[in-house]
Amino acid sequence: MIKRRTLPLLAAAAALPALWRPRPAFAALPIPPGNVINSRVIRKDSDIGTAKYVFDRDGDTLRVHISVDLVVKLGPVPVFRYTHRDVETWQGDTLMSLEATTDDDGTPKFCSARRVAEGLAVKGSHGPPYVAPANALGTTYWNMKTISTPLINTEDGHLLDITMTPQGPKPFPLANGGSVPTREWEMTGDLHTELFYEADGRWAGMIYHAKDKSMVQYLRL
């Protein structure tokens, strides 16, 4: 039973502006409509595969399931294959763990990270275990915080040495032939990648430069 003296408190709470009410657990994260990001991956004007992000919410826990499947062909003959699987676990807006495996044209790689008191404890195929800074993220890019935090390479676990430089507003193409207004950020150093985000923080896509210097685009469907 609600006691009579609590009724004024309940009424006052209901009248508070939305700014003062508890925020949803993931309010700070740019979770897409429909909880899915689907992208086509394009190289030299050819479709070479897909990238899919599925966002699974359970109370205050968010799991992001990421799958990338690429095949480059010379005529009808496959000359390069790439598969990547990654699961990120978030508590509210904090990355708690990630588990990723990659088959880079026959070369297996992995990355595992777990939150500890000091930061993120990382193991990977790149080298010995280490603790990354507490605000580090993986190279999954869907979260715009990527532009301002240390980054862990989710292929092999190493902490990237990079610089992020804002490039200003720029329309970015979509897979359906349209485009959206975005802000571009250029990543240089260990990786050369251009990232594109909409005004609300939503990831529109990216362009990266592969080992053979070719340009690869992730275009959102």
C-alpha atoms as a PDB file:
ATOM      1  CA  MET A   1       0.000   0.000   0.000  1.00  0.00           C
ATOM      2  CA  ILE A   2       1.270   3.495  -0.841  1.00  0.00           C
ATOM      3  CA  LYS A   3       1.296   5.657   2.278  1.00  0.00           C
ATOM      4  CA  ARG A   4      -0.541   8.984   2.046  1.00  0.00           C
ATOM      5  CA  ARG A   5       2.555  11.081   2.742  1.00  0.00           C
ATOM      6  CA  THR A   6       4.361   9.550  -0.291  1.00  0.00           C
ATOM      7  CA  LEU A   7       1.728  10.701  -2.782  1.00  0.00           C
ATOM      8  CA  PRO A   8       3.035  14.292  -3.060  1.00  0.00           C
ATOM      9  CA  LEU A   9       6.532  12.908  -3.731  1.00  0.00           C
ATOM     10  CA  LEU A  10       5.245  10.643  -6.518  1.00  0.00           C
ATOM     11  CA  ALA A  11       3.318  13.518  -8.067  1.00  0.00           C
ATOM     12  CA  ALA A  12       6.396  15.741  -7.946  1.00  0.00           C
ATOM     13  CA  ALA A  13       8.542  13.070  -9.606  1.00  0.00           C
ATOM     14  CA  ALA A  14       6.002  12.657 -12.407  1.00  0.00           C
ATOM     15  CA  ALA A  15       6.098  16.396 -13.005  1.00  0.00           C
ATOM     16  CA  LEU A  16       9.896  16.584 -13.335  1.00  0.00           C
ATOM     17  CA  PRO A  17      11.217  17.548 -16.765  1.00  0.00           C
ATOM     18  CA  ALA A  18      12.489  14.637 -18.849  1.00  0.00           C
ATOM     19  CA  LEU A  19      16.039  15.928 -18.333  1.00  0.00           C
ATOM     20  CA  TRP A  20      15.866  14.927 -14.663  1.00  0.00           C
ATOM     21  CA  ARG A  21      14.354  11.489 -15.091  1.00  0.00           C
ATOM     22  CA  PRO A  22      16.528   8.344 -15.186  1.00  0.00           C
ATOM     23  CA  ARG A  23      18.047   7.797 -18.624  1.00  0.00           C
ATOM     24  CA  PRO A  24      17.675   4.481 -20.436  1.00  0.00           C
ATOM     25  CA  ALA A  25      20.717   2.251 -19.931  1.00  0.00           C
ATOM     26  CA  PHE A  26      21.931   2.708 -23.507  1.00  0.00           C
ATOM     27  CA  ALA A  27      20.905   6.322 -24.103  1.00  0.00           C
ATOM     28  CA  ALA A  28      24.507   7.309 -24.829  1.00  0.00           C
ATOM     29  CA  LEU A  29      25.014   4.607 -27.466  1.00  0.00           C
ATOM     30  CA  PRO A  30      23.982   5.065 -31.136  1.00  0.00           C
ATOM     31  CA  ILE A  31      21.978   1.840 -31.416  1.00  0.00           C
ATOM     32  CA  PRO A  32      20.424   1.832 -34.907  1.00  0.00           C
ATOM     33  CA  PRO A  33      16.710   1.577 -35.722  1.00  0.00           C
ATOM     34  CA  GLY A  34      15.763  -2.079 -35.939  1.00  0.00           C
ATOM     35  CA  ASN A  35      18.869  -3.044 -33.931  1.00  0.00           C
ATOM     36  CA  VAL A  36      20.802  -4.009 -37.077  1.00  0.00           C
ATOM     37  CA  ILE A  37      23.447  -2.420 -39.303  1.00  0.00           C
ATOM     38  CA  ASN A  38      23.871  -4.112 -42.688  1.00  0.00           C
ATOM     39  CA  SER A  39      26.597  -2.953 -45.056  1.00  0.00           C
ATOM     40  CA  ARG A  40      27.848  -3.930 -48.481  1.00  0.00           C
ATOM     41  CA  VAL A  41      31.612  -4.036 -48.873  1.00  0.00           C
ATOM     42  CA  ILE A  42      32.929  -2.625 -52.157  1.00  0.00           C
ATOM     43  CA  ARG A  43      36.443  -2.824 -53.641  1.00  0.00           C
ATOM     44  CA  LYS A  44      37.343  -1.341 -57.025  1.00  0.00           C
ATOM     45  CA  ASP A  45      33.605  -0.951 -57.802  1.00  0.00           C
ATOM     46  CA  SER A  46      33.014  -4.671 -57.146  1.00  0.00           C
ATOM     47  CA  ASP A  47      30.858  -6.109 -54.388  1.00  0.00           C
ATOM     48  CA  ILE A  48      33.129  -8.357 -52.292  1.00  0.00           C
ATOM     49  CA  GLY A  49      30.949  -9.168 -49.287  1.00  0.00           C
ATOM     50  CA  THR A  50      28.951  -8.041 -46.295  1.00  0.00           C
ATOM     51  CA  ALA A  51      29.328  -6.662 -42.782  1.00  0.00           C
ATOM     52  CA  LYS A  52      26.486  -7.168 -40.296  1.00  0.00           C
ATOM     53  CA  TYR A  53      26.037  -5.810 -36.761  1.00  0.00           C
ATOM     54  CA  VAL A  54      23.194  -7.158 -34.608  1.00  0.00           C
ATOM     55  CA  PHE A  55      22.362  -5.390 -31.315  1.00  0.00           C
ATOM     56  CA  ASP A  56      20.805  -7.646 -28.657  1.00  0.00           C
ATOM     57  CA  ARG A  57      19.498  -5.913 -25.527  1.00  0.00           C
ATOM     58  CA  ASP A  58      18.777  -7.738 -22.258  1.00  0.00           C
ATOM     59  CA  GLY A  59      18.068  -5.387 -19.359  1.00  0.00           C
ATOM     60  CA  ASP A  60      21.179  -3.255 -18.823  1.00  0.00           C
ATOM     61  CA  THR A  61      23.289  -5.613 -20.944  1.00  0.00           C
ATOM     62  CA  LEU A  62      23.896  -5.066 -24.650  1.00  0.00           C
ATOM     63  CA  ARG A  63      25.595  -7.607 -26.899  1.00  0.00           C
ATOM     64  CA  VAL A  64      26.748  -6.607 -30.358  1.00  0.00           C
ATOM     65  CA  HIS A  65      27.270  -9.533 -32.735  1.00  0.00           C
ATOM     66  CA  ILE A  66      29.494  -8.634 -35.684  1.00  0.00           C
ATOM     67  CA  SER A  67      30.133 -10.730 -38.784  1.00  0.00           C
ATOM     68  CA  VAL A  68      32.208  -9.783 -41.824  1.00  0.00           C
ATOM     69  CA  ASP A  69      32.514 -12.085 -44.852  1.00  0.00           C
ATOM     70  CA  LEU A  70      34.628 -11.071 -47.839  1.00  0.00           C
ATOM     71  CA  VAL A  71      35.764 -12.810 -51.025  1.00  0.00           C
ATOM     72  CA  VAL A  72      37.913 -11.152 -53.705  1.00  0.00           C
ATOM     73  CA  LYS A  73      37.884 -12.855 -57.093  1.00  0.00           C
ATOM     74  CA  LEU A  74      40.009 -12.710 -60.202  1.00  0.00           C
ATOM     75  CA  GLY A  75      37.349 -13.460 -62.764  1.00  0.00           C
ATOM     76  CA  PRO A  76      35.480 -16.461 -61.350  1.00  0.00           C
ATOM     77  CA  VAL A  77      38.437 -17.595 -59.177  1.00  0.00           C
ATOM     78  CA  PRO A  78      38.585 -16.573 -55.480  1.00  0.00           C
ATOM     79  CA  VAL A  79      42.023 -15.130 -54.688  1.00  0.00           C
ATOM     80  CA  PHE A  80      41.368 -13.790 -51.192  1.00  0.00           C
ATOM     81  CA  ARG A  81      38.970 -14.721 -48.387  1.00  0.00           C
ATOM     82  CA  TYR A  82      38.350 -12.999 -45.083  1.00  0.00           C
ATOM     83  CA  THR A  83      35.962 -13.809 -42.227  1.00  0.00           C
ATOM     84  CA  HIS A  84      35.646 -12.017 -38.909  1.00  0.00           C
ATOM     85  CA  ARG A  85      33.403 -12.753 -35.929  1.00  0.00           C
ATOM     86  CA  ASP A  86      33.178 -10.506 -32.892  1.00  0.00           C
ATOM     87  CA  VAL A  87      30.890 -10.246 -29.863  1.00  0.00           C
ATOM     88  CA  GLU A  88      31.017  -7.101 -27.715  1.00  0.00           C
ATOM     89  CA  THR A  89      29.303  -7.047 -24.310  1.00  0.00           C
ATOM     90  CA  TRP A  90      28.302  -3.679 -22.851  1.00  0.00           C
ATOM     91  CA  GLN A  91      26.900  -2.788 -19.441  1.00  0.00           C
ATOM     92  CA  GLY A  92      25.080   0.492 -19.888  1.00  0.00           C
ATOM     93  CA  ASP A  93      27.539   2.569 -21.929  1.00  0.00           C
ATOM     94  CA  THR A  94      30.662   0.701 -20.717  1.00  0.00           C
ATOM     95  CA  LEU A  95      32.406  -1.961 -22.818  1.00  0.00           C
ATOM     96  CA  MET A  96      32.838  -4.978 -20.542  1.00  0.00           C
ATOM     97  CA  SER A  97      34.350  -7.521 -22.935  1.00  0.00           C
ATOM     98  CA  LEU A  98      34.954  -8.502 -26.529  1.00  0.00           C
ATOM     99  CA  GLU A  99      35.748 -11.849 -28.129  1.00  0.00           C
ATOM    100  CA  ALA A 100      36.848 -11.909 -31.766  1.00  0.00           C
ATOM    101  CA  THR A 101      38.241 -14.426 -34.238  1.00  0.00           C
ATOM    102  CA  THR A 102      39.492 -13.764 -37.759  1.00  0.00           C
ATOM    103  CA  ASP A 103      40.496 -15.900 -40.732  1.00  0.00           C
ATOM    104  CA  ASP A 104      42.663 -13.574 -42.818  1.00  0.00           C
ATOM    105  CA  ASP A 105      43.023 -15.563 -46.041  1.00  0.00           C
ATOM    106  CA  GLY A 106      44.035 -18.692 -44.132  1.00  0.00           C
ATOM    107  CA  THR A 107      45.871 -16.963 -41.275  1.00  0.00           C
ATOM    108  CA  PRO A 108      43.986 -17.371 -37.966  1.00  0.00           C
ATOM    109  CA  LYS A 109      43.960 -14.413 -35.562  1.00  0.00           C
ATOM    110  CA  PHE A 110      42.149 -13.660 -32.308  1.00  0.00           C
ATOM    111  CA  CYS A 111      41.468 -10.944 -29.760  1.00  0.00           C
ATOM    112  CA  SER A 112      39.962 -11.259 -26.285  1.00  0.00           C
ATOM    113  CA  ALA A 113      39.409  -8.402 -23.807  1.00  0.00           C
ATOM    114  CA  ARG A 114      37.875  -8.365 -20.319  1.00  0.00           C
ATOM    115  CA  ARG A 115      37.248  -5.414 -18.023  1.00  0.00           C
ATOM    116  CA  VAL A 116      39.364  -5.407 -14.862  1.00  0.00           C
ATOM    117  CA  ALA A 117      39.988  -2.758 -12.210  1.00  0.00           C
ATOM    118  CA  GLU A 118      42.903  -1.266 -14.168  1.00  0.00           C
ATOM    119  CA  GLY A 119      41.238  -1.189 -17.596  1.00  0.00           C
ATOM    120  CA  LEU A 120      40.751  -3.877 -20.251  1.00  0.00           C
ATOM    121  CA  ALA A 121      42.875  -7.005 -19.966  1.00  0.00           C
ATOM    122  CA  VAL A 122      43.707  -7.990 -23.556  1.00  0.00           C
ATOM    123  CA  LYS A 123      45.003 -11.218 -25.067  1.00  0.00           C
ATOM    124  CA  GLY A 124      45.599 -11.610 -28.782  1.00  0.00           C
ATOM    125  CA  SER A 125      47.552 -13.295 -31.522  1.00  0.00           C
ATOM    126  CA  HIS A 126      49.713 -10.174 -31.954  1.00  0.00           C
ATOM    127  CA  GLY A 127      51.786 -10.609 -28.791  1.00  0.00           C
ATOM    128  CA  PRO A 128      51.828 -10.972 -24.993  1.00  0.00           C
ATOM    129  CA  PRO A 129      48.841  -9.998 -22.817  1.00  0.00           C
ATOM    130  CA  TYR A 130      48.567  -6.415 -21.574  1.00  0.00           C
ATOM    131  CA  VAL A 131      46.083  -4.036 -19.945  1.00  0.00           C
ATOM    132  CA  ALA A 132      44.613  -1.378 -22.248  1.00  0.00           C
ATOM    133  CA  PRO A 133      43.334   1.973 -20.910  1.00  0.00           C
ATOM    134  CA  ALA A 134      39.924   1.838 -19.262  1.00  0.00           C
ATOM    135  CA  ASN A 135      38.298   3.895 -22.048  1.00  0.00           C
ATOM    136  CA  ALA A 136      39.686   1.786 -24.913  1.00  0.00           C
ATOM    137  CA  LEU A 137      37.331   0.384 -27.543  1.00  0.00           C
ATOM    138  CA  GLY A 138      37.670  -2.222 -30.270  1.00  0.00           C
ATOM    139  CA  THR A 139      37.941  -1.386 -33.964  1.00  0.00           C
ATOM    140  CA  THR A 140      34.257  -2.021 -34.607  1.00  0.00           C
ATOM    141  CA  TYR A 141      33.564   1.672 -35.357  1.00  0.00           C
ATOM    142  CA  TRP A 142      29.778   1.690 -34.826  1.00  0.00           C
ATOM    143  CA  ASN A 143      30.214   3.806 -31.669  1.00  0.00           C
ATOM    144  CA  MET A 144      31.289   7.391 -32.411  1.00  0.00           C
ATOM    145  CA  LYS A 145      33.425   7.344 -29.238  1.00  0.00           C
ATOM    146  CA  THR A 146      35.885   5.563 -31.528  1.00  0.00           C
ATOM    147  CA  ILE A 147      37.176   8.954 -32.665  1.00  0.00           C
ATOM    148  CA  SER A 148      38.364   9.959 -29.176  1.00  0.00           C
ATOM    149  CA  THR A 149      39.517   6.777 -27.407  1.00  0.00           C
ATOM    150  CA  PRO A 150      42.446   4.351 -27.599  1.00  0.00           C
ATOM    151  CA  LEU A 151      41.660   1.527 -30.035  1.00  0.00           C
ATOM    152  CA  ILE A 152      42.324  -2.198 -29.757  1.00  0.00           C
ATOM    153  CA  ASN A 153      42.691  -4.011 -33.076  1.00  0.00           C
ATOM    154  CA  THR A 154      39.980  -6.672 -32.899  1.00  0.00           C
ATOM    155  CA  GLU A 155      41.801  -8.857 -35.411  1.00  0.00           C
ATOM    156  CA  ASP A 156      44.892  -9.554 -33.310  1.00  0.00           C
ATOM    157  CA  GLY A 157      44.569  -7.588 -30.056  1.00  0.00           C
ATOM    158  CA  HIS A 158      47.311  -4.994 -30.368  1.00  0.00           C
ATOM    159  CA  LEU A 159      46.810  -1.435 -29.136  1.00  0.00           C
ATOM    160  CA  LEU A 160      46.925   0.804 -32.187  1.00  0.00           C
ATOM    161  CA  ASP A 161      49.209   3.798 -32.580  1.00  0.00           C
ATOM    162  CA  ILE A 162      46.927   6.173 -34.487  1.00  0.00           C
ATOM    163  CA  THR A 163      45.943   9.802 -34.943  1.00  0.00           C
ATOM    164  CA  MET A 164      42.350  10.923 -35.578  1.00  0.00           C
ATOM    165  CA  THR A 165      41.916  14.110 -37.600  1.00  0.00           C
ATOM    166  CA  PRO A 166      38.524  15.770 -38.283  1.00  0.00           C
ATOM    167  CA  GLN A 167      37.930  16.440 -41.976  1.00  0.00           C
ATOM    168  CA  GLY A 168      34.683  18.358 -41.777  1.00  0.00           C
ATOM    169  CA  PRO A 169      31.205  17.701 -43.227  1.00  0.00           C
ATOM    170  CA  LYS A 170      30.875  15.445 -46.251  1.00  0.00           C
ATOM    171  CA  PRO A 171      28.032  13.462 -47.875  1.00  0.00           C
ATOM    172  CA  PHE A 172      28.671   9.724 -47.701  1.00  0.00           C
ATOM    173  CA  PRO A 173      27.143   7.230 -50.146  1.00  0.00           C
ATOM    174  CA  LEU A 174      24.729   4.504 -49.146  1.00  0.00           C
ATOM    175  CA  ALA A 175      24.530   1.079 -50.768  1.00  0.00           C
ATOM    176  CA  ASN A 176      21.149   1.947 -52.336  1.00  0.00           C
ATOM    177  CA  GLY A 177      22.652   4.796 -54.358  1.00  0.00           C
ATOM    178  CA  GLY A 178      21.617   7.614 -52.034  1.00  0.00           C
ATOM    179  CA  SER A 179      23.753   9.491 -49.527  1.00  0.00           C
ATOM    180  CA  VAL A 180      23.574  11.002 -46.046  1.00  0.00           C
ATOM    181  CA  PRO A 181      25.233  14.112 -44.590  1.00  0.00           C
ATOM    182  CA  THR A 182      28.102  13.111 -42.319  1.00  0.00           C
ATOM    183  CA  ARG A 183      31.212  14.314 -40.537  1.00  0.00           C
ATOM    184  CA  GLU A 184      34.438  12.650 -41.694  1.00  0.00           C
ATOM    185  CA  TRP A 185      37.324  11.606 -39.438  1.00  0.00           C
ATOM    186  CA  GLU A 186      40.633  10.358 -40.846  1.00  0.00           C
ATOM    187  CA  MET A 187      42.609   7.734 -38.957  1.00  0.00           C
ATOM    188  CA  THR A 188      46.331   7.552 -39.729  1.00  0.00           C
ATOM    189  CA  GLY A 189      49.221   5.603 -38.252  1.00  0.00           C
ATOM    190  CA  ASP A 190      48.896   1.834 -37.855  1.00  0.00           C
ATOM    191  CA  LEU A 191      45.685   1.986 -39.906  1.00  0.00           C
ATOM    192  CA  HIS A 192      44.613   4.338 -42.705  1.00  0.00           C
ATOM    193  CA  THR A 193      40.849   4.635 -42.511  1.00  0.00           C
ATOM    194  CA  GLU A 194      38.195   7.301 -43.034  1.00  0.00           C
ATOM    195  CA  LEU A 195      35.183   7.084 -40.714  1.00  0.00           C
ATOM    196  CA  PHE A 196      31.828   8.791 -41.362  1.00  0.00           C
ATOM    197  CA  TYR A 197      29.191   9.623 -38.731  1.00  0.00           C
ATOM    198  CA  GLU A 198      25.817  11.317 -38.970  1.00  0.00           C
ATOM    199  CA  ALA A 199      24.893  14.260 -36.726  1.00  0.00           C
ATOM    200  CA  ASP A 200      23.159  11.947 -34.211  1.00  0.00           C
ATOM    201  CA  GLY A 201      26.310   9.800 -33.877  1.00  0.00           C
ATOM    202  CA  ARG A 202      25.094   7.023 -36.150  1.00  0.00           C
ATOM    203  CA  TRP A 203      27.843   5.301 -38.148  1.00  0.00           C
ATOM    204  CA  ALA A 204      27.268   5.725 -41.893  1.00  0.00           C
ATOM    205  CA  GLY A 205      30.254   3.702 -43.101  1.00  0.00           C
ATOM    206  CA  MET A 206      33.967   3.849 -43.752  1.00  0.00           C
ATOM    207  CA  ILE A 207      36.746   3.664 -46.291  1.00  0.00           C
ATOM    208  CA  TYR A 208      39.954   1.810 -45.534  1.00  0.00           C
ATOM    209  CA  HIS A 209      43.095   1.096 -47.470  1.00  0.00           C
ATOM    210  CA  ALA A 210      43.924  -2.603 -47.781  1.00  0.00           C
ATOM    211  CA  LYS A 211      47.372  -4.201 -47.740  1.00  0.00           C
ATOM    212  CA  ASP A 212      47.515  -4.041 -51.548  1.00  0.00           C
ATOM    213  CA  LYS A 213      46.723  -0.270 -51.353  1.00  0.00           C
ATOM    214  CA  SER A 214      43.248  -0.773 -52.821  1.00  0.00           C
ATOM    215  CA  MET A 215      40.363   1.263 -51.390  1.00  0.00           C
ATOM    216  CA  VAL A 216      37.604  -0.702 -49.625  1.00  0.00           C
ATOM    217  CA  GLN A 217      34.261   0.895 -48.740  1.00  0.00           C
ATOM    218  CA  TYR A 218      31.665  -0.170 -46.198  1.00  0.00           C
ATOM    219  CA  LEU A 219      28.351   1.256 -47.476  1.00  0.00           C
ATOM    220  CA  ARG A 220      25.315   0.984 -45.208  1.00  0.00           C
ATOM    221  CA  LEU A 221      22.179  -0.578 -46.648  1.00  0.00           C
END
